[in-house]
């Protein structure tokens, strides 16, 4: 009986994690970049924008993760199992964060990288949820991206565990 209950619970959890975003939310993701006066892939100057202002600009999902340090559910992010060549930028401000050749499959449920753009990322101690971690922030807009751990592959031994929602990808084929 316990085995059957465990199997049923596992199946129902898997089904919940496979739910697609409603069409309106997908459209909001695209609108966020277009209606964001602070977004730039070339300007690296520090932004000082209030959360009140960000809330008007960002989609609810992006705001929750980037400005309130929420976390997307594991194995649901669009970049978790994604391996195209290109660059990753902050979805909030457009700041460069990662190159795709530093991405690896960590099986942790979130996109993982072994190296970050030193000019694009900042770090902060995070003691939330009864854990001691290092939070990774966008150096330009101070948005939450994820956390960094010392269990990554060579050559760095570091694993940047990021939220897909906080990232924007531009493929090498899309660059002009």
C-alpha atoms as a PDB file:
ATOM      1  CA  UNK A   1       0.000   0.000   0.000  1.00  0.00           C
ATOM      2  CA  UNK A   2       2.812   2.423   0.876  1.00  0.00           C
ATOM      3  CA  UNK A   3       4.545   1.628  -2.386  1.00  0.00           C
ATOM      4  CA  UNK A   4       1.409   2.426  -4.395  1.00  0.00           C
ATOM      5  CA  UNK A   5       0.955   5.733  -2.569  1.00  0.00           C
ATOM      6  CA  UNK A   6       4.583   6.687  -3.208  1.00  0.00           C
ATOM      7  CA  UNK A   7       4.239   5.859  -6.908  1.00  0.00           C
ATOM      8  CA  UNK A   8       1.013   7.869  -7.199  1.00  0.00           C
ATOM      9  CA  UNK A   9       2.566  10.851  -5.426  1.00  0.00           C
ATOM     10  CA  UNK A  10       5.622  10.706  -7.704  1.00  0.00           C
ATOM     11  CA  UNK A  11       3.464  10.625 -10.827  1.00  0.00           C
ATOM     12  CA  UNK A  12       1.333  13.540  -9.660  1.00  0.00           C
ATOM     13  CA  UNK A  13       4.425  15.623  -8.814  1.00  0.00           C
ATOM     14  CA  UNK A  14       5.894  14.919 -12.249  1.00  0.00           C
ATOM     15  CA  UNK A  15       2.659  15.971 -13.890  1.00  0.00           C
ATOM     16  CA  UNK A  16       2.641  19.244 -11.937  1.00  0.00           C
ATOM     17  CA  UNK A  17       6.164  20.088 -13.022  1.00  0.00           C
ATOM     18  CA  UNK A  18       5.296  19.597 -16.687  1.00  0.00           C
ATOM     19  CA  UNK A  19       2.577  22.243 -16.774  1.00  0.00           C
ATOM     20  CA  UNK A  20       3.246  24.810 -19.488  1.00  0.00           C
ATOM     21  CA  UNK A  21       3.000  28.517 -18.830  1.00  0.00           C
ATOM     22  CA  UNK A  22      -0.224  30.119 -19.979  1.00  0.00           C
ATOM     23  CA  UNK A  23       0.069  31.960 -23.293  1.00  0.00           C
ATOM     24  CA  UNK A  24      -0.346  35.337 -21.569  1.00  0.00           C
ATOM     25  CA  UNK A  25       2.750  34.683 -19.380  1.00  0.00           C
ATOM     26  CA  UNK A  26       4.785  33.647 -22.440  1.00  0.00           C
ATOM     27  CA  UNK A  27       3.802  36.910 -24.120  1.00  0.00           C
ATOM     28  CA  UNK A  28       4.736  38.868 -20.964  1.00  0.00           C
ATOM     29  CA  UNK A  29       8.303  37.512 -21.111  1.00  0.00           C
ATOM     30  CA  UNK A  30       8.791  39.052 -24.562  1.00  0.00           C
ATOM     31  CA  UNK A  31       7.138  42.338 -23.594  1.00  0.00           C
ATOM     32  CA  UNK A  32       9.381  42.714 -20.511  1.00  0.00           C
ATOM     33  CA  UNK A  33      12.516  43.290 -22.609  1.00  0.00           C
ATOM     34  CA  UNK A  34      10.791  45.627 -25.059  1.00  0.00           C
ATOM     35  CA  UNK A  35       9.245  47.835 -22.345  1.00  0.00           C
ATOM     36  CA  UNK A  36      12.334  47.956 -20.131  1.00  0.00           C
ATOM     37  CA  UNK A  37      14.186  51.296 -20.477  1.00  0.00           C
ATOM     38  CA  UNK A  38      17.078  49.925 -18.381  1.00  0.00           C
ATOM     39  CA  UNK A  39      17.760  46.914 -20.606  1.00  0.00           C
ATOM     40  CA  UNK A  40      21.037  47.001 -22.540  1.00  0.00           C
ATOM     41  CA  UNK A  41      23.519  44.352 -23.649  1.00  0.00           C
ATOM     42  CA  UNK A  42      26.292  46.930 -23.969  1.00  0.00           C
ATOM     43  CA  UNK A  43      25.884  49.335 -21.032  1.00  0.00           C
ATOM     44  CA  UNK A  44      27.598  47.977 -17.900  1.00  0.00           C
ATOM     45  CA  UNK A  45      27.024  51.033 -15.702  1.00  0.00           C
ATOM     46  CA  UNK A  46      25.506  50.295 -12.287  1.00  0.00           C
ATOM     47  CA  UNK A  47      21.719  50.703 -12.071  1.00  0.00           C
ATOM     48  CA  UNK A  48      19.918  52.086  -9.033  1.00  0.00           C
ATOM     49  CA  UNK A  49      16.278  51.292  -9.712  1.00  0.00           C
ATOM     50  CA  UNK A  50      13.736  50.768  -6.918  1.00  0.00           C
ATOM     51  CA  UNK A  51      11.854  47.491  -6.598  1.00  0.00           C
ATOM     52  CA  UNK A  52       8.678  49.518  -7.008  1.00  0.00           C
ATOM     53  CA  UNK A  53       9.882  50.566 -10.477  1.00  0.00           C
ATOM     54  CA  UNK A  54      11.080  47.032 -11.373  1.00  0.00           C
ATOM     55  CA  UNK A  55       7.653  45.660 -10.406  1.00  0.00           C
ATOM     56  CA  UNK A  56       6.044  47.872 -13.064  1.00  0.00           C
ATOM     57  CA  UNK A  57       8.449  46.626 -15.748  1.00  0.00           C
ATOM     58  CA  UNK A  58       9.110  42.933 -15.070  1.00  0.00           C
ATOM     59  CA  UNK A  59       6.807  39.943 -15.469  1.00  0.00           C
ATOM     60  CA  UNK A  60       5.555  38.524 -12.141  1.00  0.00           C
ATOM     61  CA  UNK A  61       7.786  35.412 -12.426  1.00  0.00           C
ATOM     62  CA  UNK A  62      10.904  37.401 -13.214  1.00  0.00           C
ATOM     63  CA  UNK A  63      10.187  39.940 -10.468  1.00  0.00           C
ATOM     64  CA  UNK A  64       9.694  37.197  -7.838  1.00  0.00           C
ATOM     65  CA  UNK A  65      12.987  35.502  -8.675  1.00  0.00           C
ATOM     66  CA  UNK A  66      15.161  38.494  -9.573  1.00  0.00           C
ATOM     67  CA  UNK A  67      14.008  40.985  -6.965  1.00  0.00           C
ATOM     68  CA  UNK A  68      12.630  38.766  -4.145  1.00  0.00           C
ATOM     69  CA  UNK A  69      15.163  35.891  -4.486  1.00  0.00           C
ATOM     70  CA  UNK A  70      12.514  33.258  -5.177  1.00  0.00           C
ATOM     71  CA  UNK A  71      13.533  30.043  -6.937  1.00  0.00           C
ATOM     72  CA  UNK A  72      11.926  28.347  -9.910  1.00  0.00           C
ATOM     73  CA  UNK A  73      10.934  24.710  -9.477  1.00  0.00           C
ATOM     74  CA  UNK A  74      13.698  22.253 -10.365  1.00  0.00           C
ATOM     75  CA  UNK A  75      13.660  20.665 -13.829  1.00  0.00           C
ATOM     76  CA  UNK A  76      11.156  23.240 -15.169  1.00  0.00           C
ATOM     77  CA  UNK A  77      13.430  26.007 -16.477  1.00  0.00           C
ATOM     78  CA  UNK A  78      13.809  26.515 -20.211  1.00  0.00           C
ATOM     79  CA  UNK A  79      17.625  26.390 -20.013  1.00  0.00           C
ATOM     80  CA  UNK A  80      17.963  23.353 -17.739  1.00  0.00           C
ATOM     81  CA  UNK A  81      18.392  20.897 -20.630  1.00  0.00           C
ATOM     82  CA  UNK A  82      19.578  23.332 -23.264  1.00  0.00           C
ATOM     83  CA  UNK A  83      22.882  23.131 -25.122  1.00  0.00           C
ATOM     84  CA  UNK A  84      23.004  25.699 -27.916  1.00  0.00           C
ATOM     85  CA  UNK A  85      26.101  27.839 -28.428  1.00  0.00           C
ATOM     86  CA  UNK A  86      25.827  31.461 -27.418  1.00  0.00           C
ATOM     87  CA  UNK A  87      25.747  33.963 -24.582  1.00  0.00           C
ATOM     88  CA  UNK A  88      23.606  34.259 -21.456  1.00  0.00           C
ATOM     89  CA  UNK A  89      22.496  37.686 -20.255  1.00  0.00           C
ATOM     90  CA  UNK A  90      20.573  39.001 -17.241  1.00  0.00           C
ATOM     91  CA  UNK A  91      16.871  38.911 -18.149  1.00  0.00           C
ATOM     92  CA  UNK A  92      16.313  42.059 -16.074  1.00  0.00           C
ATOM     93  CA  UNK A  93      18.965  44.437 -17.428  1.00  0.00           C
ATOM     94  CA  UNK A  94      20.784  42.669 -20.308  1.00  0.00           C
ATOM     95  CA  UNK A  95      24.170  42.419 -18.562  1.00  0.00           C
ATOM     96  CA  UNK A  96      26.438  39.616 -19.856  1.00  0.00           C
ATOM     97  CA  UNK A  97      26.714  36.702 -17.381  1.00  0.00           C
ATOM     98  CA  UNK A  98      27.869  33.430 -18.986  1.00  0.00           C
ATOM     99  CA  UNK A  99      29.178  31.887 -22.191  1.00  0.00           C
ATOM    100  CA  UNK A 100      27.520  28.608 -23.208  1.00  0.00           C
ATOM    101  CA  UNK A 101      30.827  26.715 -23.314  1.00  0.00           C
ATOM    102  CA  UNK A 102      30.966  27.000 -19.504  1.00  0.00           C
ATOM    103  CA  UNK A 103      27.537  25.323 -19.146  1.00  0.00           C
ATOM    104  CA  UNK A 104      27.387  21.693 -18.053  1.00  0.00           C
ATOM    105  CA  UNK A 105      24.777  19.093 -17.133  1.00  0.00           C
ATOM    106  CA  UNK A 106      24.782  18.919 -13.341  1.00  0.00           C
ATOM    107  CA  UNK A 107      21.455  17.045 -12.992  1.00  0.00           C
ATOM    108  CA  UNK A 108      20.554  19.366 -10.097  1.00  0.00           C
ATOM    109  CA  UNK A 109      17.447  20.658 -11.895  1.00  0.00           C
ATOM    110  CA  UNK A 110      18.744  24.115 -12.815  1.00  0.00           C
ATOM    111  CA  UNK A 111      21.110  25.365 -15.522  1.00  0.00           C
ATOM    112  CA  UNK A 112      24.676  25.120 -14.236  1.00  0.00           C
ATOM    113  CA  UNK A 113      27.903  26.804 -15.293  1.00  0.00           C
ATOM    114  CA  UNK A 114      31.490  26.324 -14.108  1.00  0.00           C
ATOM    115  CA  UNK A 115      32.567  29.891 -14.924  1.00  0.00           C
ATOM    116  CA  UNK A 116      30.894  33.308 -14.911  1.00  0.00           C
ATOM    117  CA  UNK A 117      31.737  36.646 -16.493  1.00  0.00           C
ATOM    118  CA  UNK A 118      33.691  38.339 -13.680  1.00  0.00           C
ATOM    119  CA  UNK A 119      32.463  41.738 -14.853  1.00  0.00           C
ATOM    120  CA  UNK A 120      28.850  40.540 -14.889  1.00  0.00           C
ATOM    121  CA  UNK A 121      28.381  38.818 -11.525  1.00  0.00           C
ATOM    122  CA  UNK A 122      28.587  39.781  -7.856  1.00  0.00           C
ATOM    123  CA  UNK A 123      28.259  37.681  -4.701  1.00  0.00           C
ATOM    124  CA  UNK A 124      26.542  37.967  -1.348  1.00  0.00           C
ATOM    125  CA  UNK A 125      26.289  35.740   1.719  1.00  0.00           C
ATOM    126  CA  UNK A 126      22.856  34.101   1.986  1.00  0.00           C
ATOM    127  CA  UNK A 127      21.775  32.643   5.341  1.00  0.00           C
ATOM    128  CA  UNK A 128      18.112  32.118   4.378  1.00  0.00           C
ATOM    129  CA  UNK A 129      16.224  28.840   4.776  1.00  0.00           C
ATOM    130  CA  UNK A 130      18.587  27.630   7.515  1.00  0.00           C
ATOM    131  CA  UNK A 131      21.515  27.262   5.084  1.00  0.00           C
ATOM    132  CA  UNK A 132      24.777  29.079   4.478  1.00  0.00           C
ATOM    133  CA  UNK A 133      25.168  29.762   0.761  1.00  0.00           C
ATOM    134  CA  UNK A 134      26.664  32.294  -1.605  1.00  0.00           C
ATOM    135  CA  UNK A 135      24.072  34.140  -3.667  1.00  0.00           C
ATOM    136  CA  UNK A 136      24.965  35.171  -7.226  1.00  0.00           C
ATOM    137  CA  UNK A 137      23.709  38.595  -8.300  1.00  0.00           C
ATOM    138  CA  UNK A 138      23.846  40.561 -11.512  1.00  0.00           C
ATOM    139  CA  UNK A 139      26.612  43.116 -10.983  1.00  0.00           C
ATOM    140  CA  UNK A 140      24.706  45.780 -12.927  1.00  0.00           C
ATOM    141  CA  UNK A 141      21.190  45.608 -11.434  1.00  0.00           C
ATOM    142  CA  UNK A 142      21.664  43.495  -8.253  1.00  0.00           C
ATOM    143  CA  UNK A 143      19.069  40.953  -9.381  1.00  0.00           C
ATOM    144  CA  UNK A 144      19.119  37.462  -7.888  1.00  0.00           C
ATOM    145  CA  UNK A 145      20.360  34.852 -10.354  1.00  0.00           C
ATOM    146  CA  UNK A 146      20.936  31.787  -8.171  1.00  0.00           C
ATOM    147  CA  UNK A 147      23.713  30.394  -5.964  1.00  0.00           C
ATOM    148  CA  UNK A 148      27.286  29.181  -6.353  1.00  0.00           C
ATOM    149  CA  UNK A 149      28.685  25.947  -4.878  1.00  0.00           C
ATOM    150  CA  UNK A 150      32.106  24.297  -4.672  1.00  0.00           C
ATOM    151  CA  UNK A 151      31.047  21.011  -6.271  1.00  0.00           C
ATOM    152  CA  UNK A 152      31.475  21.786  -9.963  1.00  0.00           C
ATOM    153  CA  UNK A 153      33.656  20.166 -12.612  1.00  0.00           C
ATOM    154  CA  UNK A 154      37.209  21.075 -13.597  1.00  0.00           C
ATOM    155  CA  UNK A 155      38.773  23.424 -14.367  1.00  0.00           C
ATOM    156  CA  UNK A 156      37.175  25.630 -11.675  1.00  0.00           C
ATOM    157  CA  UNK A 157      35.438  23.143  -9.360  1.00  0.00           C
ATOM    158  CA  UNK A 158      32.600  25.676  -9.103  1.00  0.00           C
ATOM    159  CA  UNK A 159      28.907  25.203  -9.940  1.00  0.00           C
ATOM    160  CA  UNK A 160      26.853  28.295 -10.661  1.00  0.00           C
ATOM    161  CA  UNK A 161      23.290  27.035 -10.135  1.00  0.00           C
ATOM    162  CA  UNK A 162      21.058  29.557 -11.930  1.00  0.00           C
ATOM    163  CA  UNK A 163      17.349  30.179 -12.420  1.00  0.00           C
ATOM    164  CA  UNK A 164      16.363  30.027 -16.111  1.00  0.00           C
ATOM    165  CA  UNK A 165      13.869  32.840 -15.531  1.00  0.00           C
ATOM    166  CA  UNK A 166      16.750  35.180 -14.624  1.00  0.00           C
ATOM    167  CA  UNK A 167      18.596  34.389 -17.846  1.00  0.00           C
ATOM    168  CA  UNK A 168      18.191  35.392 -21.462  1.00  0.00           C
ATOM    169  CA  UNK A 169      20.005  33.444 -24.155  1.00  0.00           C
ATOM    170  CA  UNK A 170      21.289  34.778 -27.476  1.00  0.00           C
ATOM    171  CA  UNK A 171      22.590  32.112 -29.827  1.00  0.00           C
ATOM    172  CA  UNK A 172      25.751  32.584 -31.842  1.00  0.00           C
ATOM    173  CA  UNK A 173      23.635  32.312 -34.993  1.00  0.00           C
ATOM    174  CA  UNK A 174      21.454  35.261 -33.803  1.00  0.00           C
ATOM    175  CA  UNK A 175      24.342  37.701 -33.285  1.00  0.00           C
ATOM    176  CA  UNK A 176      24.810  40.354 -35.897  1.00  0.00           C
END
